[in-house]
N, C-alpha and C. Protein backbone atom coordinates (compact mmCIF):
# COMPACT_ATOMS: atom_id res chain seq x y z
N UNK A 1 -13.88 -3.57 0.95
CA UNK A 1 -12.88 -3.27 0.59
C UNK A 1 -12.68 -2.59 -0.70
N UNK A 2 -11.76 -3.06 -1.72
CA UNK A 2 -11.22 -2.12 -3.01
C UNK A 2 -11.76 -2.88 -4.30
N UNK A 3 -11.97 -4.34 -4.06
CA UNK A 3 -12.16 -5.08 -5.33
C UNK A 3 -13.30 -4.45 -5.97
N UNK A 4 -13.15 -3.93 -7.21
CA UNK A 4 -14.16 -3.64 -8.32
C UNK A 4 -14.55 -2.27 -8.17
N UNK A 5 -13.90 -1.33 -6.95
CA UNK A 5 -13.85 -0.21 -6.80
C UNK A 5 -13.37 0.58 -7.50
N UNK A 6 -13.22 1.07 -8.50
CA UNK A 6 -12.39 1.76 -9.42
C UNK A 6 -12.09 3.02 -9.08
N UNK A 7 -13.09 3.84 -8.58
CA UNK A 7 -13.21 5.31 -7.95
C UNK A 7 -12.26 5.34 -6.91
N UNK A 8 -12.46 4.12 -5.68
CA UNK A 8 -11.64 4.13 -4.59
C UNK A 8 -10.31 3.81 -4.85
N UNK A 9 -9.79 3.06 -6.04
CA UNK A 9 -8.58 2.58 -6.51
C UNK A 9 -7.91 3.80 -6.70
N UNK A 10 -8.35 4.88 -7.34
CA UNK A 10 -7.82 5.87 -8.10
C UNK A 10 -7.80 6.83 -7.38
N UNK A 11 -8.72 7.12 -5.88
CA UNK A 11 -8.52 7.87 -4.90
C UNK A 11 -7.26 7.63 -4.26
N UNK A 12 -6.98 5.96 -4.00
CA UNK A 12 -5.74 5.70 -3.26
C UNK A 12 -4.81 5.87 -3.84
N UNK A 13 -4.75 5.99 -5.13
CA UNK A 13 -3.38 5.99 -6.09
C UNK A 13 -2.85 7.66 -6.18
N UNK A 14 -4.16 8.68 -6.11
CA UNK A 14 -3.73 9.93 -6.05
C UNK A 14 -3.82 10.77 -4.63
N UNK A 15 -4.36 10.33 -3.87
CA UNK A 15 -4.71 11.00 -2.71
C UNK A 15 -5.29 9.96 -1.53
N UNK A 16 -3.98 9.07 -1.11
CA UNK A 16 -4.21 7.78 -0.05
C UNK A 16 -4.87 8.74 0.98
N UNK A 17 -4.38 9.57 1.77
CA UNK A 17 -4.43 10.32 2.97
C UNK A 17 -6.20 10.34 2.95
N UNK A 18 -6.85 11.03 1.99
CA UNK A 18 -7.96 11.33 2.04
C UNK A 18 -9.08 10.23 1.27
N UNK A 19 -8.38 9.04 1.09
CA UNK A 19 -9.68 8.25 0.34
C UNK A 19 -10.73 7.86 1.47
N UNK A 20 -11.65 7.43 0.95
CA UNK A 20 -12.86 7.26 1.74
C UNK A 20 -12.79 5.66 1.89
N UNK A 21 -12.61 5.10 3.32
CA UNK A 21 -12.15 3.66 3.96
C UNK A 21 -12.96 3.55 5.13
N UNK A 22 -13.25 2.30 5.29
CA UNK A 22 -13.87 2.07 6.63
C UNK A 22 -12.54 2.32 7.61
N UNK A 23 -12.99 2.05 8.84
CA UNK A 23 -11.86 2.34 10.01
C UNK A 23 -10.87 1.22 9.89
N UNK A 24 -10.83 0.05 9.89
CA UNK A 24 -9.96 -0.89 9.96
C UNK A 24 -8.92 -0.54 8.39
N UNK A 25 -9.53 -0.45 7.03
CA UNK A 25 -8.81 -0.54 6.06
C UNK A 25 -7.85 1.36 6.29
N UNK A 26 -8.62 2.16 6.90
CA UNK A 26 -7.87 3.42 7.00
C UNK A 26 -6.65 3.21 7.56
N UNK A 27 -6.74 2.37 9.04
CA UNK A 27 -5.59 2.04 9.63
C UNK A 27 -4.51 1.33 9.11
N UNK A 28 -4.90 0.19 8.16
CA UNK A 28 -4.06 -0.37 7.45
C UNK A 28 -2.99 0.71 6.46
N UNK A 29 -3.91 1.49 5.71
CA UNK A 29 -3.43 2.19 4.52
C UNK A 29 -2.55 3.08 5.61
N UNK A 30 -3.05 3.82 6.77
CA UNK A 30 -2.18 4.87 7.36
C UNK A 30 -0.54 4.24 7.92
N UNK A 31 -0.87 2.90 8.16
CA UNK A 31 0.17 2.23 8.70
C UNK A 31 0.86 1.66 7.36
N UNK A 32 0.71 1.41 6.00
CA UNK A 32 1.45 1.15 5.00
C UNK A 32 2.12 2.56 4.37
N UNK A 33 1.46 3.71 4.59
CA UNK A 33 2.18 5.18 4.18
C UNK A 33 3.18 5.33 5.25
N UNK A 34 2.77 4.96 6.51
CA UNK A 34 4.26 5.26 7.68
C UNK A 34 5.32 4.34 7.52
N UNK A 35 5.01 3.16 7.13
CA UNK A 35 5.94 1.90 7.01
C UNK A 35 6.78 2.59 5.75
N UNK A 36 5.94 3.06 4.48
CA UNK A 36 6.54 3.24 3.54
C UNK A 36 7.60 4.85 3.30
N UNK A 37 7.04 5.79 3.90
CA UNK A 37 7.52 7.12 4.03
C UNK A 37 8.47 7.10 5.31
N UNK A 38 8.33 6.44 6.53
CA UNK A 38 9.03 6.52 7.50
C UNK A 38 9.29 5.77 8.20
N UNK A 39 9.91 4.41 7.49
CA UNK A 39 9.74 3.03 8.50
C UNK A 39 10.46 3.58 9.71
N UNK A 40 11.66 4.10 10.14
CA UNK A 40 12.26 4.66 11.14
C UNK A 40 11.08 4.67 12.27
N UNK A 41 10.22 5.23 12.17
CA UNK A 41 8.97 6.02 12.75
C UNK A 41 8.13 4.84 13.38
N UNK A 42 8.13 3.95 12.35
CA UNK A 42 7.05 2.73 13.04
C UNK A 42 7.42 2.40 14.47
N UNK A 43 6.37 2.09 15.11
CA UNK A 43 6.57 1.50 16.99
C UNK A 43 5.46 0.85 17.44
N UNK A 44 6.00 0.17 18.05
CA UNK A 44 5.12 -0.81 18.58
C UNK A 44 3.66 -0.30 18.79
N UNK A 45 3.26 1.02 19.52
CA UNK A 45 2.03 1.69 19.09
C UNK A 45 1.19 1.39 17.69
N UNK A 46 2.11 1.41 16.72
CA UNK A 46 1.42 1.42 14.96
C UNK A 46 1.04 -0.10 14.94
N UNK A 47 1.61 -1.08 15.98
CA UNK A 47 1.17 -2.30 15.87
C UNK A 47 0.07 -2.70 16.43
N UNK A 48 0.09 -2.07 17.95
CA UNK A 48 -0.82 -2.11 18.72
C UNK A 48 -2.20 -1.16 18.16
N UNK A 49 -2.21 -0.30 17.14
CA UNK A 49 -3.24 0.12 16.64
C UNK A 49 -4.34 -0.86 15.66
N UNK A 50 -3.12 -1.46 15.08
CA UNK A 50 -3.93 -2.45 14.17
C UNK A 50 -4.50 -3.39 14.89
N UNK A 51 -3.67 -3.86 15.72
CA UNK A 51 -4.57 -5.03 16.54
C UNK A 51 -5.95 -4.57 17.24
N UNK A 52 -6.22 -3.31 17.50
CA UNK A 52 -7.01 -2.66 18.09
C UNK A 52 -7.93 -2.34 17.19
N UNK A 53 -7.63 -2.32 15.82
CA UNK A 53 -8.60 -2.31 14.52
C UNK A 53 -9.18 -3.60 14.38
N UNK A 54 -8.54 -4.86 14.71
CA UNK A 54 -9.27 -6.24 14.32
C UNK A 54 -8.46 -6.89 13.67
N UNK A 55 -7.41 -6.27 13.61
CA UNK A 55 -6.07 -7.26 12.59
C UNK A 55 -5.69 -8.45 13.46
N UNK A 56 -5.36 -9.53 13.07
CA UNK A 56 -4.83 -10.62 14.30
C UNK A 56 -3.28 -10.26 13.70
N UNK A 57 -2.38 -11.04 14.91
CA UNK A 57 -1.12 -10.73 14.35
C UNK A 57 -0.44 -11.47 13.18
N UNK A 58 -0.98 -12.51 12.52
CA UNK A 58 -0.88 -13.27 11.49
C UNK A 58 -0.99 -12.28 10.39
N UNK A 59 -2.11 -11.58 10.51
CA UNK A 59 -2.78 -10.62 9.28
C UNK A 59 -1.81 -9.38 9.66
N UNK A 60 -1.36 -8.99 10.66
CA UNK A 60 -0.32 -7.98 10.74
C UNK A 60 1.34 -8.19 9.86
N UNK A 61 1.58 -9.62 10.36
CA UNK A 61 2.65 -10.06 9.87
C UNK A 61 2.38 -9.97 8.03
N UNK A 62 1.40 -10.60 7.92
CA UNK A 62 0.60 -10.32 6.34
C UNK A 62 1.31 -9.17 5.48
N UNK A 63 0.28 -8.17 6.47
CA UNK A 63 0.64 -6.59 6.04
C UNK A 63 1.95 -5.83 6.01
N UNK A 64 2.50 -6.42 6.65
CA UNK A 64 4.02 -5.59 7.13
C UNK A 64 4.88 -6.41 5.73
N UNK A 65 4.79 -7.81 5.47
CA UNK A 65 4.93 -8.75 4.56
C UNK A 65 5.12 -7.94 2.82
N UNK A 66 3.66 -7.55 2.49
CA UNK A 66 3.16 -7.51 1.60
C UNK A 66 4.04 -5.43 0.96
N UNK A 67 3.73 -4.96 2.32
CA UNK A 67 4.12 -3.65 2.39
C UNK A 67 5.93 -3.51 2.13
N UNK A 68 6.54 -4.46 2.74
CA UNK A 68 7.95 -4.78 2.33
C UNK A 68 8.34 -5.08 1.16
N UNK A 69 7.31 -6.03 0.95
CA UNK A 69 7.99 -6.46 -0.72
C UNK A 69 7.82 -5.43 -1.88
N UNK A 70 6.70 -4.88 -1.73
CA UNK A 70 6.36 -3.65 -2.56
C UNK A 70 7.24 -2.85 -2.67
N UNK A 71 8.00 -2.38 -1.64
CA UNK A 71 8.87 -1.06 -1.41
C UNK A 71 10.26 -1.87 -2.00
N UNK A 72 10.38 -2.96 -1.08
CA UNK A 72 11.74 -3.64 -1.89
C UNK A 72 11.97 -3.79 -3.77
N UNK A 73 10.85 -4.41 -4.02
CA UNK A 73 10.83 -4.42 -5.76
C UNK A 73 10.93 -3.09 -6.45
N UNK A 74 10.22 -2.26 -5.97
CA UNK A 74 10.13 -0.64 -6.61
C UNK A 74 11.46 -0.11 -6.32
N UNK A 75 12.43 -0.45 -5.12
CA UNK A 75 13.68 0.19 -5.15
C UNK A 75 14.55 -0.56 -5.75
N UNK A 76 14.40 -2.13 -5.49
CA UNK A 76 15.26 -2.88 -6.75
C UNK A 76 15.21 -2.05 -8.14
N UNK A 77 14.02 -2.05 -8.69
CA UNK A 77 13.88 -1.50 -10.14
C UNK A 77 14.31 -0.03 -10.34
N UNK A 78 14.11 0.68 -9.32
CA UNK A 78 14.49 2.16 -9.61
C UNK A 78 16.28 1.98 -9.42
N UNK A 79 16.90 1.51 -8.69
CA UNK A 79 18.33 1.62 -8.04
C UNK A 79 18.91 0.79 -9.36
N UNK A 80 18.22 -0.12 -10.09
CA UNK A 80 18.75 -0.56 -11.47
C UNK A 80 18.70 -0.17 -12.62
N UNK A 81 17.65 0.90 -12.90
CA UNK A 81 17.36 1.48 -13.89
C UNK A 81 16.20 0.99 -14.88
N UNK A 82 15.53 0.10 -14.42
CA UNK A 82 15.09 -0.95 -14.86
C UNK A 82 13.57 -0.12 -15.26
N UNK A 83 13.29 -0.59 -16.76
CA UNK A 83 12.16 -0.13 -17.63
C UNK A 83 10.77 -1.16 -17.68
N UNK A 84 9.58 -0.80 -17.65
CA UNK A 84 8.65 -1.98 -17.85
C UNK A 84 9.01 -2.61 -19.27
N UNK A 85 8.31 -3.69 -19.31
CA UNK A 85 8.23 -4.43 -20.45
C UNK A 85 7.01 -3.48 -21.26
N UNK A 86 7.39 -3.81 -22.68
CA UNK A 86 6.50 -2.68 -23.36
C UNK A 86 4.88 -3.14 -23.19
N UNK A 87 5.03 -4.55 -23.37
CA UNK A 87 3.71 -5.17 -22.89
C UNK A 87 2.76 -4.45 -21.70
N UNK A 88 3.62 -4.53 -20.91
CA UNK A 88 3.48 -4.51 -19.09
C UNK A 88 3.13 -2.80 -19.28
N UNK A 89 3.96 -1.56 -20.38
CA UNK A 89 3.60 -0.41 -20.39
C UNK A 89 2.19 -0.33 -20.97
N UNK A 90 1.95 -0.82 -21.88
CA UNK A 90 0.72 -0.65 -22.47
C UNK A 90 -0.55 -0.84 -21.75
N UNK A 91 -0.24 -1.85 -20.84
CA UNK A 91 -1.52 -2.16 -19.95
C UNK A 91 -1.60 -1.33 -18.45
N UNK A 92 -0.12 -0.61 -18.34
CA UNK A 92 -0.37 0.48 -17.16
C UNK A 92 -1.03 1.64 -17.99
N UNK A 93 -0.57 2.02 -18.94
CA UNK A 93 -1.20 3.11 -19.67
C UNK A 93 -2.79 2.82 -19.82
N UNK A 94 -2.89 1.85 -19.99
CA UNK A 94 -4.47 1.58 -20.67
C UNK A 94 -5.29 1.76 -19.18
N UNK A 95 -4.65 1.59 -18.14
CA UNK A 95 -5.32 1.38 -16.91
C UNK A 95 -5.46 2.33 -15.96
N UNK A 96 -4.20 3.42 -16.20
CA UNK A 96 -3.83 4.55 -15.44
C UNK A 96 -5.15 5.25 -14.67
N UNK A 97 -6.14 5.62 -15.32
CA UNK A 97 -7.17 6.20 -15.18
C UNK A 97 -8.29 5.43 -14.34
N UNK A 98 -8.02 4.35 -14.38
CA UNK A 98 -9.05 3.43 -13.74
C UNK A 98 -9.23 3.60 -12.20
C-alpha cells in the first residue's frame, strides 16, 4: 500500500488516475474518485466490484465513510471560507513535494 512510499503519495495527489497501484488499491482509488467526482453515478455494480476485489462489506463501509468524511470536511471548510491554521500551513508547505 502507500505507507512510506512518498513517490506514490505524490503521484496519487497529482495524477491519481495513473498512479501505479495493485488491483485492489486501484479499485478502491477509482471508487473514491467516482464517489467524490460523481456521487450520483455510484451504483451497486461499483460495490460489487469492490467485493470482487476482495473487500469485505465492513471494509467497504469503512471506505465509504472515510471518503464521505473527507469530502464533507473539505466542503464545510470551503463553504465557511475557513483557512488553515498558520502552523498547519507551514506543515503542508513543508510536505507538499513529498
